[in-house]
Every structure is written in C-alpha cells, then in structure tokens.
Protein backbone atom coordinates (compact mmCIF):
# COMPACT_ATOMS: atom_id res chain seq x y z
CA MET A 1 149.96 245.66 -123.97
CA SER A 2 153.69 245.24 -123.27
CA PRO A 3 155.24 242.01 -124.28
CA PRO A 4 156.14 239.69 -121.69
CA PRO A 5 159.63 240.23 -119.71
CA PRO A 6 162.27 238.06 -121.75
CA LEU A 7 162.71 235.87 -118.80
CA ASP A 8 158.97 234.81 -118.77
CA LEU A 9 159.33 233.91 -122.31
CA VAL A 10 162.43 231.87 -121.65
CA ARG A 11 160.45 229.99 -118.97
CA ARG A 12 157.31 229.64 -120.96
CA ALA A 13 159.07 228.33 -123.98
CA LEU A 14 161.54 225.94 -122.03
CA PRO A 15 159.34 222.86 -122.36
CA GLU A 16 159.03 222.65 -125.82
CA LEU A 17 162.47 223.62 -126.80
CA PRO A 18 165.03 221.33 -128.64
CA PRO A 19 167.70 219.66 -125.97
CA LYS A 20 170.32 222.23 -127.03
CA LEU A 21 168.28 225.12 -126.79
CA ARG A 22 166.59 223.77 -123.55
CA GLU A 23 170.26 223.73 -121.65
CA ALA A 24 170.90 227.13 -123.09
CA ALA A 25 167.86 228.47 -121.81
CA ARG A 26 168.49 227.25 -118.51
CA PHE A 27 171.53 228.76 -118.34
CA VAL A 28 170.10 232.19 -119.13
CA LEU A 29 167.48 231.73 -116.39
CA GLY A 30 170.31 230.94 -113.75
CA HIS A 31 172.64 233.82 -114.88
CA ASP A 32 170.45 237.06 -116.13
CA PHE A 33 172.92 239.21 -114.71
CA ASP A 34 175.62 237.62 -116.76
CA VAL A 35 173.62 237.66 -119.90
CA ALA A 36 172.77 241.50 -119.57
CA THR A 37 176.67 242.27 -119.00
CA ARG A 38 179.03 239.61 -120.65
CA SER A 39 179.43 238.66 -124.67
CA MET A 40 177.60 236.02 -126.39
CA ARG A 41 181.07 234.43 -126.65
CA ASP A 42 181.98 234.40 -122.86
CA LEU A 43 178.62 233.20 -122.33
CA ALA A 44 178.70 230.28 -124.46
CA ALA A 45 182.31 229.12 -122.99
CA SER A 46 180.63 229.20 -119.56
CA ALA A 47 177.69 227.16 -120.79
CA GLY A 48 179.80 224.50 -122.47
CA THR A 49 178.06 225.23 -125.92
CA ASN A 50 178.96 227.48 -128.93
CA PRO A 51 177.57 231.11 -129.53
CA ALA A 52 175.26 230.02 -132.41
CA THR A 53 173.25 228.21 -130.02
CA PHE A 54 172.36 231.56 -128.24
CA THR A 55 171.23 233.17 -131.62
CA ARG A 56 168.97 230.30 -132.11
CA LEU A 57 167.44 230.46 -128.68
CA ALA A 58 166.73 234.26 -129.27
CA GLN A 59 165.13 233.64 -132.70
CA ALA A 60 163.03 230.71 -131.06
CA LEU A 61 161.78 233.32 -128.53
CA GLY A 62 160.63 235.55 -131.45
CA TYR A 63 163.84 237.85 -131.04
CA ALA A 64 165.55 238.82 -134.37
CA GLY A 65 168.88 237.71 -132.70
CA TRP A 66 170.88 237.25 -129.55
CA ASP A 67 171.44 240.98 -129.32
CA ALA A 68 167.77 241.74 -129.38
CA LEU A 69 167.12 239.40 -126.44
CA ARG A 70 170.00 240.83 -124.46
CA ASP A 71 168.90 244.43 -125.04
CA ALA A 72 165.63 243.53 -123.56
CA MET A 73 167.35 241.94 -120.70
CA ILE A 74 169.26 245.25 -120.18
CA GLU A 75 166.20 247.18 -120.23
CA VAL A 76 164.40 245.05 -117.72
CA ARG A 77 167.44 245.29 -115.37
CA ARG A 78 167.32 249.17 -116.11
CA ASN A 79 163.88 249.36 -114.86
CA GLY A 80 164.60 247.57 -111.70
CA ALA A 81 162.44 244.26 -112.33
CA GLU A 82 164.80 242.45 -110.18
CA GLY A 83 162.96 243.72 -107.18
CA PRO A 84 160.00 241.78 -107.47
CA TYR A 85 158.46 242.49 -103.90
CA SER A 86 159.05 246.31 -103.90
CA ARG A 87 157.60 246.78 -107.67
CA ARG A 88 154.34 244.92 -106.26
CA ALA A 89 154.33 247.37 -103.41
CA GLN A 90 154.71 250.63 -105.73
CA LEU A 91 152.14 249.15 -107.88
CA ASP A 92 149.68 248.80 -104.98
CA ALA A 93 150.48 252.33 -103.66
CA ASP A 94 149.85 253.85 -106.84
CA ALA A 95 146.84 251.81 -107.35
CA LYS A 96 145.16 252.62 -104.13
CA GLY A 97 146.80 255.73 -103.49
CA GLY A 98 148.43 254.87 -100.22
CA ALA A 99 144.76 253.74 -98.71
CA ALA A 100 145.99 250.99 -96.28
CA ALA A 101 142.52 250.27 -94.84
CA SER A 102 141.34 248.74 -98.18
CA VAL A 103 144.30 246.37 -98.40
CA PRO A 104 143.28 243.82 -95.83
CA ARG A 105 139.91 243.27 -97.43
CA ALA A 106 141.51 243.17 -101.14
CA MET A 107 143.80 240.61 -99.79
CA LEU A 108 141.07 238.56 -98.27
CA ALA A 109 138.86 238.52 -101.25
CA ALA A 110 141.85 237.71 -103.50
CA ASP A 111 142.60 234.75 -101.29
CA ALA A 112 138.83 233.56 -101.26
CA ALA A 113 138.81 233.77 -104.83
CA GLY A 114 142.19 231.81 -105.52
CA LEU A 115 140.92 228.99 -102.79
CA ALA A 116 137.66 228.88 -105.07
CA ARG A 117 139.82 228.01 -108.27
CA LEU A 118 141.60 225.34 -106.74
CA ASP A 119 140.96 221.76 -108.42
CA ALA A 120 140.54 219.14 -106.19
CA ASP A 121 141.00 216.23 -108.69
CA PRO A 122 144.65 216.84 -109.41
CA ILE A 123 145.29 216.74 -105.61
CA ALA A 124 143.37 213.44 -105.47
CA ALA A 125 145.63 211.79 -108.08
CA ALA A 126 148.83 213.13 -106.40
CA ALA A 127 147.53 212.12 -102.94
CA GLU A 128 147.47 208.58 -104.76
CA ALA A 129 151.12 208.63 -105.94
CA LEU A 130 152.04 209.95 -102.55
CA CYS A 131 150.27 207.01 -100.49
CA ARG A 132 152.10 204.35 -102.84
CA ALA A 133 155.82 206.14 -102.19
CA PRO A 134 157.75 204.09 -99.61
CA ARG A 135 159.35 207.57 -98.81
CA VAL A 136 158.24 211.24 -99.15
CA TRP A 137 160.54 214.39 -99.49
CA SER A 138 159.04 217.71 -98.42
CA ALA A 139 161.06 220.74 -100.28
CA GLY A 140 160.40 224.38 -100.11
CA PHE A 141 162.78 227.38 -99.65
CA ARG A 142 162.69 230.65 -98.40
CA SER A 143 159.20 231.79 -97.68
CA CYS A 144 157.75 228.13 -99.01
CA HIS A 145 160.08 226.53 -96.11
CA SER A 146 157.07 227.13 -94.06
CA VAL A 147 154.66 225.30 -96.24
CA ALA A 148 156.94 222.41 -96.69
CA GLN A 149 157.25 222.10 -92.64
CA LEU A 150 153.70 222.07 -92.50
CA LEU A 151 153.32 219.29 -95.13
CA HIS A 152 156.43 217.42 -93.39
CA TYR A 153 154.68 217.70 -89.80
CA GLN A 154 151.22 216.71 -90.93
CA LEU A 155 152.47 213.72 -92.71
CA ARG A 156 154.70 212.39 -90.11
CA LEU A 157 151.59 212.17 -87.57
CA PHE A 158 150.66 209.10 -89.72
CA ARG A 159 153.83 208.37 -91.68
CA PRO A 160 156.49 208.97 -88.70
CA ASP A 161 159.29 206.79 -90.39
CA GLU A 162 158.80 207.57 -94.06
CA VAL A 163 158.93 211.49 -94.02
CA ARG A 164 162.19 213.56 -94.99
CA LEU A 165 162.30 217.26 -95.07
CA VAL A 166 164.92 218.48 -97.61
CA GLY A 167 167.61 220.26 -95.91
CA GLY A 168 165.88 219.90 -92.55
CA SER A 169 168.63 218.06 -90.43
CA GLY A 170 171.89 219.26 -92.36
CA PRO A 171 172.98 220.39 -95.93
CA GLU A 172 170.68 220.01 -98.69
CA ASP A 173 173.27 218.41 -101.01
CA LEU A 174 173.25 215.34 -98.43
CA ASP A 175 169.31 214.80 -98.90
CA HIS A 176 170.05 214.86 -102.62
CA GLY A 177 172.20 212.00 -102.48
CA ALA A 178 169.60 210.12 -100.43
CA PHE A 179 167.02 210.21 -103.16
CA ARG A 180 165.71 206.83 -104.02
CA ARG A 181 163.75 205.48 -107.15
CA GLY A 182 160.35 205.24 -106.12
CA ASP A 183 160.29 207.85 -103.42
CA ALA A 184 157.96 210.89 -103.77
CA MET A 185 159.17 214.70 -103.61
CA VAL A 186 156.49 217.58 -102.81
CA VAL A 187 158.28 220.65 -103.89
CA ILE A 188 156.55 224.22 -103.35
CA GLY A 189 157.49 227.21 -105.22
CA PHE A 190 156.23 230.64 -106.91
CA ALA A 191 157.93 233.32 -108.73
CA PRO A 192 160.51 234.66 -108.41
CA TYR A 193 161.76 231.10 -107.97
CA SER A 194 164.42 229.58 -105.58
CA ARG A 195 167.54 227.95 -107.21
CA SER A 196 167.38 225.50 -104.57
CA SER A 197 164.04 224.37 -105.36
CA VAL A 198 165.07 223.82 -109.10
CA LEU A 199 168.05 221.96 -108.14
CA ALA A 200 166.10 219.77 -105.58
CA THR A 201 163.68 218.93 -108.24
CA ARG A 202 166.32 217.92 -110.99
CA MET A 203 168.27 215.69 -108.54
CA ALA A 204 164.85 213.93 -107.52
CA ARG A 205 163.86 213.54 -111.15
CA ALA A 206 167.42 212.03 -111.75
CA ALA A 207 167.00 209.50 -108.78
CA GLY A 208 163.63 208.43 -110.23
CA CYS A 209 161.48 210.03 -107.70
CA ILE A 210 157.84 210.84 -108.34
CA VAL A 211 157.84 214.87 -108.38
CA ILE A 212 154.62 216.43 -106.91
CA ALA A 213 154.85 220.35 -107.58
CA ILE A 214 152.99 223.01 -106.09
CA ALA A 215 153.44 225.93 -108.16
CA ASP A 216 151.90 229.34 -109.01
CA THR A 217 152.12 228.63 -112.85
CA PRO A 218 152.80 225.55 -115.38
CA THR A 219 155.84 226.90 -116.55
CA ALA A 220 157.39 227.35 -113.12
CA PRO A 221 160.96 225.93 -113.54
CA MET A 222 160.78 223.98 -110.53
CA ALA A 223 157.53 222.15 -111.97
CA GLU A 224 159.07 221.27 -115.42
CA GLY A 225 158.61 217.63 -116.01
CA ALA A 226 156.69 216.82 -112.66
CA ASP A 227 154.65 213.75 -112.60
CA HIS A 228 151.93 215.89 -110.66
CA LEU A 229 151.25 219.65 -110.99
CA LEU A 230 149.00 221.56 -108.07
CA LEU A 231 148.45 224.94 -109.21
CA PHE A 232 147.67 227.77 -106.90
CA ASP A 233 147.17 231.76 -107.32
CA ALA A 234 150.02 233.67 -105.72
CA ALA A 235 150.18 236.96 -107.28
CA THR A 236 146.71 238.05 -107.58
CA GLY A 237 146.43 239.92 -104.42
CA PRO A 238 147.61 243.25 -103.68
CA GLY A 239 149.64 242.67 -100.88
CA PHE A 240 153.57 243.37 -101.67
CA PHE A 241 154.23 239.71 -101.16
CA PRO A 242 152.57 236.88 -102.98
CA SER A 243 150.25 234.90 -101.12
CA LEU A 244 150.85 231.40 -99.81
CA THR A 245 147.17 230.84 -98.83
CA GLY A 246 146.67 228.50 -101.90
CA ALA A 247 149.85 226.67 -101.46
CA ILE A 248 149.00 225.97 -97.47
CA ALA A 249 145.28 224.83 -98.52
CA THR A 250 146.95 222.81 -101.44
CA ALA A 251 149.36 220.94 -99.02
CA GLN A 252 146.72 220.29 -96.45
CA ALA A 253 144.31 218.83 -98.83
CA LEU A 254 147.02 216.74 -100.18
CA VAL A 255 147.84 215.26 -96.73
CA ALA A 256 144.35 214.71 -95.74
CA ALA A 257 143.48 212.88 -99.03
CA SER A 258 146.46 210.87 -98.36
CA PHE A 259 145.55 209.79 -94.87
CA VAL A 260 142.15 208.73 -96.00
CA LEU A 261 144.14 206.39 -98.83
CA GLY A 262 146.05 205.13 -96.04
CA GLY A 263 143.20 203.38 -94.30
CA PRO A 264 143.41 201.64 -90.83
CA ALA A 265 147.13 201.45 -90.72
CA ALA A 266 147.40 205.31 -91.20
CA PHE A 267 144.53 205.55 -88.49
CA GLU A 268 146.60 203.41 -86.03
CA ARG A 269 149.95 205.41 -86.24
CA LEU A 270 148.02 208.57 -85.93
CA ARG A 271 146.50 207.29 -82.89
CA ASP A 272 149.98 205.96 -81.66
CA SER A 273 151.19 209.77 -82.20
CA GLU A 274 148.48 211.49 -80.71
CA ALA A 275 149.24 209.05 -77.57
CA ARG A 276 152.88 209.79 -77.49
CA LEU A 277 152.02 213.84 -77.63
CA ALA A 278 149.69 213.24 -74.66
CA ALA A 279 152.36 211.35 -72.58
CA GLN A 280 154.73 214.04 -73.13
CA SER A 281 152.13 216.76 -72.20
CA GLN A 282 152.98 218.86 -75.54
CA TYR A 283 149.52 220.51 -75.38
CA LEU A 284 147.44 222.48 -72.75
CA PRO A 285 144.56 220.41 -70.97
CA GLU A 286 141.15 221.31 -72.70
CA VAL A 287 138.76 223.35 -70.48
CA ASP A 288 135.19 222.58 -70.41
CA PRO A 289 133.39 225.89 -71.53
CA SER A 290 130.41 224.97 -69.33
CA ALA A 291 132.20 224.69 -66.16
C-alpha cells in the first residue's frame, strides 16, 4: 500500500501538533506550490518562523527531515495530484472501461450506502446548539455554496430575521466582521477544501461563535476546532466529482430538528412565511388530480 499523500499527513496531524508546528503546518497546507519550489529559508521568512520549525514538522510527520517531505510534495505535483476531479475521472474510466451505463447505478448505490451511514445523534446535538444561537450563519463556497443556500433558505422560513449567508450580500470579509459571540455558523466542505471556508471558520471561532462543520472527514481543515462535526461521505462514489448527497441530507435534517426544537414560535413564523408567499403568488395553484 502506498503511503498517504504528504498534505493528507499534514491535515491528519494538525490537531495534535504543538502550537509552533501547527502554524507551520497551516502554512504548508496553504502554500503547497511554494513548498515544492522555494527553499526552506524562504518559506520560514514568509511564514514568520525559523527553518528549524519546518524540519521539526517534517520529522513529526515521519520524514527524516524537510528535504524528504519536500521531495514527496514535488513527486505528488509531478504526478498531477493537483487535479482531484480529473484524477477521479481517470480512475473511474480505468476501472469500468468507459462503460458509462454502469455509472449512474453505481453512483446511486454509493449515495444510498452513504446516507445509511449518517449518524442522527450528532445532528440532533448540533440542532440544539443552532436553536439556542441568537443568529445563524451559513457558509459554503464553490460547489458547497448550494448546500449553504439551501440551509439558509429553509432556516429563514421560520427564523427570518436571524439567519445570514456568508458572502450572500457582499464581500465575505464584511460578514467576518459581523460575527458575534454566541452566534452559530454552519460551514460545509469536502476535499479539496476551499480557502474561503477555512478563513470563515477561523474568523467565526475567533469571534466566539459556535461552529458546526458538515465535512467529509474529521481532519478537514475547515472542521478544525469545530464544536459539532457532522460527517458525510463525499468520495466513495464512482463519479468524477465528489457527491453532495450526504451534505444536503445532513443540512436538511439539521434544519428539521431545529424547527422541532423551536416549538410553537417556530411553527407560527413558518405559517407567517407561508402566508406571505401565498399573498405574493409565488407558487402555481395546486391542481386536484381527481378533477
């Protein structure tokens, strides 16, 4: 069995590293191209640390020294690992000989198996935290933006004045400055991880927010230090792109549980939202199928 890619080793080790090594590890995760192309002295200067810190980081990951870690990262780049989606597509084509007809069946089976593995208890615990928070922020970027929008929309049906979408009405950094202690932020992400999701999570934690991470692995960088971690399968299916099915199901279960916990007040606000939508004729009238 081949060893894990070096960036995966860094992510997995991150929570257990001493503070100085943790900062160096974060720098490596955010500057993998520089790591493969610049000297250790230059990297240390950019990271605001000393070269010996990078040596100790490499040794903590099981490498003999920095040069060995750097060589591993160069080899990864040489093999094209910076293209995660095309790599999945190639593996899929190799495995199935291009038999496209089998892919939908396999994808649906993988999603069904992934949904069966979702754990309801952590979702219920996160819903309690969500219900207690005076404001809720939903954060998802790139492909995960659709999940964040769905969560934002459904929550606003019964919490219309208390839910915000990070980056929904302007630059993300303006929302970062609006985070307040006691707010809850739900962040969604899977590998390869968005820099924006990691930054939003760090800013939310620094402001004292409760962080609920919907992620594909416990070592996801945007899930580091999260108060609640809700795991879903993203990469077990055969498609070229990771699956969001588990993330969507988790987000909807989180909203549904939060609504139940909201009690009569949540029900009344939902009725108000429905009345407003009806008054604005947002939906086509229902047709009696027996007519």
